[in-house]
Amino acid sequence: MERLDGFVEQGTSDQLFAAEYLHSHVTFATAKCENIGKIYPHDIKFQVVHSLRDALVANELTPRKQELVLSMWDAINKH
């Protein structure tokens, strides 16, 4: 979440969009994990990945926005 917050403070409009979009998926995944008693980082990451996959399958984002969001997600997970 801290990495996302850093983009929100200093990013371009595209980065701001991607960070906010990911933030909502992380928040949802965290709440879902808390409800089932699994609050470890790998559990949250698993839920985010599945939530993003579902969003992409549902065509929630344009191809350009998909690229931005997935690129940011990959960058966050490399650290």
N, C-alpha and C. Protein backbone atom coordinates (compact mmCIF):
# COMPACT_ATOMS: atom_id res chain seq x y z
N MET A 1 0.82 -1.18 0.00
CA MET A 1 0.00 0.00 0.00
C MET A 1 0.87 1.25 0.00
N GLU A 2 2.01 1.20 0.68
CA GLU A 2 2.87 2.37 0.72
C GLU A 2 3.37 2.73 -0.67
N ARG A 3 3.70 1.74 -1.47
CA ARG A 3 4.16 2.02 -2.83
C ARG A 3 3.06 2.68 -3.65
N LEU A 4 1.85 2.21 -3.49
CA LEU A 4 0.72 2.82 -4.19
C LEU A 4 0.52 4.25 -3.74
N ASP A 5 0.63 4.48 -2.44
CA ASP A 5 0.47 5.83 -1.92
C ASP A 5 1.53 6.77 -2.48
N GLY A 6 2.75 6.27 -2.69
CA GLY A 6 3.81 7.08 -3.28
C GLY A 6 3.47 7.52 -4.70
N PHE A 7 2.85 6.65 -5.48
CA PHE A 7 2.43 7.03 -6.82
C PHE A 7 1.31 8.07 -6.76
N VAL A 8 0.43 7.93 -5.80
CA VAL A 8 -0.68 8.86 -5.69
C VAL A 8 -0.17 10.26 -5.39
N GLU A 9 0.85 10.37 -4.58
CA GLU A 9 1.39 11.68 -4.22
C GLU A 9 2.18 12.32 -5.35
N GLN A 10 2.84 11.53 -6.18
CA GLN A 10 3.80 12.08 -7.12
C GLN A 10 3.60 11.66 -8.57
N GLY A 11 2.57 10.92 -8.88
CA GLY A 11 2.46 10.33 -10.20
C GLY A 11 1.77 11.18 -11.24
N THR A 12 1.85 10.69 -12.47
CA THR A 12 1.12 11.27 -13.58
C THR A 12 -0.35 10.90 -13.43
N SER A 13 -1.20 11.45 -14.28
CA SER A 13 -2.62 11.10 -14.19
C SER A 13 -2.84 9.61 -14.45
N ASP A 14 -2.08 9.02 -15.36
CA ASP A 14 -2.18 7.58 -15.62
C ASP A 14 -1.73 6.77 -14.40
N GLN A 15 -0.64 7.19 -13.78
CA GLN A 15 -0.16 6.49 -12.60
C GLN A 15 -1.14 6.64 -11.44
N LEU A 16 -1.74 7.81 -11.32
CA LEU A 16 -2.74 8.03 -10.27
C LEU A 16 -3.92 7.10 -10.47
N PHE A 17 -4.38 6.98 -11.71
CA PHE A 17 -5.49 6.08 -12.00
C PHE A 17 -5.13 4.65 -11.62
N ALA A 18 -3.98 4.18 -12.10
CA ALA A 18 -3.58 2.79 -11.84
C ALA A 18 -3.41 2.54 -10.35
N ALA A 19 -2.82 3.49 -9.64
CA ALA A 19 -2.63 3.33 -8.20
C ALA A 19 -3.96 3.27 -7.46
N GLU A 20 -4.88 4.13 -7.81
CA GLU A 20 -6.20 4.11 -7.17
C GLU A 20 -6.96 2.83 -7.51
N TYR A 21 -6.85 2.40 -8.74
CA TYR A 21 -7.52 1.16 -9.16
C TYR A 21 -6.97 -0.02 -8.37
N LEU A 22 -5.64 -0.11 -8.29
CA LEU A 22 -5.02 -1.19 -7.53
C LEU A 22 -5.35 -1.07 -6.04
N HIS A 23 -5.36 0.14 -5.54
CA HIS A 23 -5.67 0.36 -4.13
C HIS A 23 -7.04 -0.22 -3.80
N SER A 24 -7.99 -0.02 -4.68
CA SER A 24 -9.34 -0.55 -4.43
C SER A 24 -9.33 -2.08 -4.43
N HIS A 25 -8.55 -2.68 -5.31
CA HIS A 25 -8.46 -4.14 -5.35
C HIS A 25 -7.75 -4.69 -4.11
N VAL A 26 -6.71 -3.99 -3.65
CA VAL A 26 -6.00 -4.42 -2.45
C VAL A 26 -6.91 -4.29 -1.22
N THR A 27 -7.65 -3.20 -1.15
CA THR A 27 -8.57 -3.00 -0.03
C THR A 27 -9.64 -4.10 -0.01
N PHE A 28 -10.21 -4.38 -1.16
CA PHE A 28 -11.22 -5.44 -1.27
C PHE A 28 -10.63 -6.79 -0.87
N ALA A 29 -9.44 -7.09 -1.38
CA ALA A 29 -8.79 -8.37 -1.08
C ALA A 29 -8.47 -8.49 0.41
N THR A 30 -8.03 -7.41 1.01
CA THR A 30 -7.72 -7.43 2.44
C THR A 30 -8.97 -7.71 3.26
N ALA A 31 -10.06 -7.04 2.92
CA ALA A 31 -11.32 -7.26 3.64
C ALA A 31 -11.80 -8.70 3.46
N LYS A 32 -11.67 -9.21 2.25
CA LYS A 32 -12.09 -10.59 1.99
C LYS A 32 -11.25 -11.57 2.80
N CYS A 33 -9.95 -11.33 2.86
CA CYS A 33 -9.06 -12.21 3.63
C CYS A 33 -9.37 -12.13 5.12
N GLU A 34 -9.64 -10.93 5.61
CA GLU A 34 -9.98 -10.79 7.03
C GLU A 34 -11.25 -11.56 7.36
N ASN A 35 -12.21 -11.54 6.45
CA ASN A 35 -13.48 -12.24 6.68
C ASN A 35 -13.30 -13.75 6.77
N ILE A 36 -12.31 -14.28 6.07
CA ILE A 36 -12.10 -15.73 6.10
C ILE A 36 -10.93 -16.13 7.02
N GLY A 37 -10.37 -15.14 7.72
CA GLY A 37 -9.31 -15.42 8.69
C GLY A 37 -7.94 -15.66 8.10
N LYS A 38 -7.71 -15.22 6.89
CA LYS A 38 -6.40 -15.37 6.24
C LYS A 38 -5.86 -13.97 5.95
N ILE A 39 -4.96 -13.50 6.80
CA ILE A 39 -4.49 -12.12 6.65
C ILE A 39 -2.99 -12.04 6.37
N TYR A 40 -2.44 -13.10 5.83
CA TYR A 40 -1.03 -13.08 5.47
C TYR A 40 -0.85 -12.42 4.11
N PRO A 41 0.30 -11.78 3.89
CA PRO A 41 0.52 -11.08 2.61
C PRO A 41 0.29 -11.96 1.39
N HIS A 42 0.73 -13.21 1.43
CA HIS A 42 0.55 -14.07 0.25
C HIS A 42 -0.93 -14.35 -0.01
N ASP A 43 -1.75 -14.39 1.04
CA ASP A 43 -3.19 -14.58 0.86
C ASP A 43 -3.82 -13.36 0.19
N ILE A 44 -3.40 -12.19 0.64
CA ILE A 44 -3.93 -10.95 0.06
C ILE A 44 -3.50 -10.83 -1.39
N LYS A 45 -2.24 -11.12 -1.67
CA LYS A 45 -1.74 -11.07 -3.05
C LYS A 45 -2.53 -12.03 -3.94
N PHE A 46 -2.79 -13.23 -3.45
CA PHE A 46 -3.57 -14.21 -4.20
C PHE A 46 -4.95 -13.64 -4.55
N GLN A 47 -5.60 -13.02 -3.57
CA GLN A 47 -6.93 -12.44 -3.80
C GLN A 47 -6.87 -11.28 -4.79
N VAL A 48 -5.83 -10.45 -4.71
CA VAL A 48 -5.69 -9.33 -5.65
C VAL A 48 -5.53 -9.85 -7.06
N VAL A 49 -4.68 -10.84 -7.24
CA VAL A 49 -4.45 -11.41 -8.57
C VAL A 49 -5.75 -11.93 -9.16
N HIS A 50 -6.52 -12.63 -8.36
CA HIS A 50 -7.79 -13.17 -8.87
C HIS A 50 -8.82 -12.06 -9.12
N SER A 51 -8.82 -11.05 -8.30
CA SER A 51 -9.72 -9.92 -8.50
C SER A 51 -9.37 -9.17 -9.78
N LEU A 52 -8.07 -8.96 -10.01
CA LEU A 52 -7.64 -8.30 -11.24
C LEU A 52 -7.98 -9.14 -12.46
N ARG A 53 -7.76 -10.43 -12.36
CA ARG A 53 -8.09 -11.32 -13.47
C ARG A 53 -9.58 -11.23 -13.81
N ASP A 54 -10.42 -11.26 -12.79
CA ASP A 54 -11.87 -11.15 -13.01
C ASP A 54 -12.23 -9.82 -13.67
N ALA A 55 -11.57 -8.75 -13.23
CA ALA A 55 -11.84 -7.43 -13.81
C ALA A 55 -11.43 -7.37 -15.27
N LEU A 56 -10.31 -7.99 -15.60
CA LEU A 56 -9.84 -7.99 -16.99
C LEU A 56 -10.75 -8.83 -17.87
N VAL A 57 -11.19 -9.96 -17.36
CA VAL A 57 -12.11 -10.82 -18.11
C VAL A 57 -13.42 -10.08 -18.37
N ALA A 58 -13.84 -9.26 -17.41
CA ALA A 58 -15.08 -8.50 -17.54
C ALA A 58 -14.91 -7.22 -18.37
N ASN A 59 -13.71 -7.01 -18.90
CA ASN A 59 -13.40 -5.83 -19.71
C ASN A 59 -13.72 -4.52 -18.99
N GLU A 60 -13.35 -4.45 -17.70
CA GLU A 60 -13.56 -3.23 -16.94
C GLU A 60 -12.68 -2.09 -17.42
N LEU A 61 -11.54 -2.44 -18.03
CA LEU A 61 -10.56 -1.43 -18.42
C LEU A 61 -10.29 -1.49 -19.92
N THR A 62 -9.91 -0.35 -20.47
CA THR A 62 -9.44 -0.33 -21.85
C THR A 62 -8.09 -1.05 -21.91
N PRO A 63 -7.68 -1.47 -23.09
CA PRO A 63 -6.36 -2.12 -23.19
C PRO A 63 -5.23 -1.25 -22.62
N ARG A 64 -5.28 0.04 -22.86
CA ARG A 64 -4.24 0.95 -22.34
C ARG A 64 -4.25 0.97 -20.81
N LYS A 65 -5.43 1.07 -20.23
CA LYS A 65 -5.54 1.09 -18.76
C LYS A 65 -5.12 -0.27 -18.18
N GLN A 66 -5.46 -1.36 -18.87
CA GLN A 66 -5.03 -2.69 -18.43
C GLN A 66 -3.51 -2.74 -18.35
N GLU A 67 -2.86 -2.25 -19.39
CA GLU A 67 -1.41 -2.25 -19.44
C GLU A 67 -0.82 -1.44 -18.28
N LEU A 68 -1.39 -0.28 -18.01
CA LEU A 68 -0.91 0.56 -16.92
C LEU A 68 -1.06 -0.13 -15.56
N VAL A 69 -2.22 -0.69 -15.33
CA VAL A 69 -2.50 -1.35 -14.05
C VAL A 69 -1.60 -2.57 -13.86
N LEU A 70 -1.49 -3.41 -14.87
CA LEU A 70 -0.67 -4.61 -14.75
C LEU A 70 0.81 -4.28 -14.63
N SER A 71 1.24 -3.25 -15.33
CA SER A 71 2.63 -2.82 -15.23
C SER A 71 2.95 -2.34 -13.82
N MET A 72 2.04 -1.57 -13.24
CA MET A 72 2.25 -1.10 -11.87
C MET A 72 2.22 -2.26 -10.89
N TRP A 73 1.29 -3.17 -11.07
CA TRP A 73 1.21 -4.34 -10.19
C TRP A 73 2.50 -5.15 -10.25
N ASP A 74 3.03 -5.35 -11.45
CA ASP A 74 4.30 -6.07 -11.60
C ASP A 74 5.44 -5.33 -10.91
N ALA A 75 5.49 -4.01 -11.08
CA ALA A 75 6.55 -3.21 -10.46
C ALA A 75 6.49 -3.30 -8.94
N ILE A 76 5.30 -3.26 -8.40
CA ILE A 76 5.13 -3.34 -6.95
C ILE A 76 5.59 -4.70 -6.43
N ASN A 77 5.31 -5.73 -7.17
CA ASN A 77 5.63 -7.09 -6.72
C ASN A 77 7.08 -7.48 -6.93
N LYS A 78 7.84 -6.68 -7.64
CA LYS A 78 9.27 -6.97 -7.83
C LYS A 78 10.08 -6.58 -6.61
N HIS A 79 9.52 -5.76 -5.75
CA HIS A 79 10.27 -5.27 -4.57
C HIS A 79 9.90 -6.01 -3.33
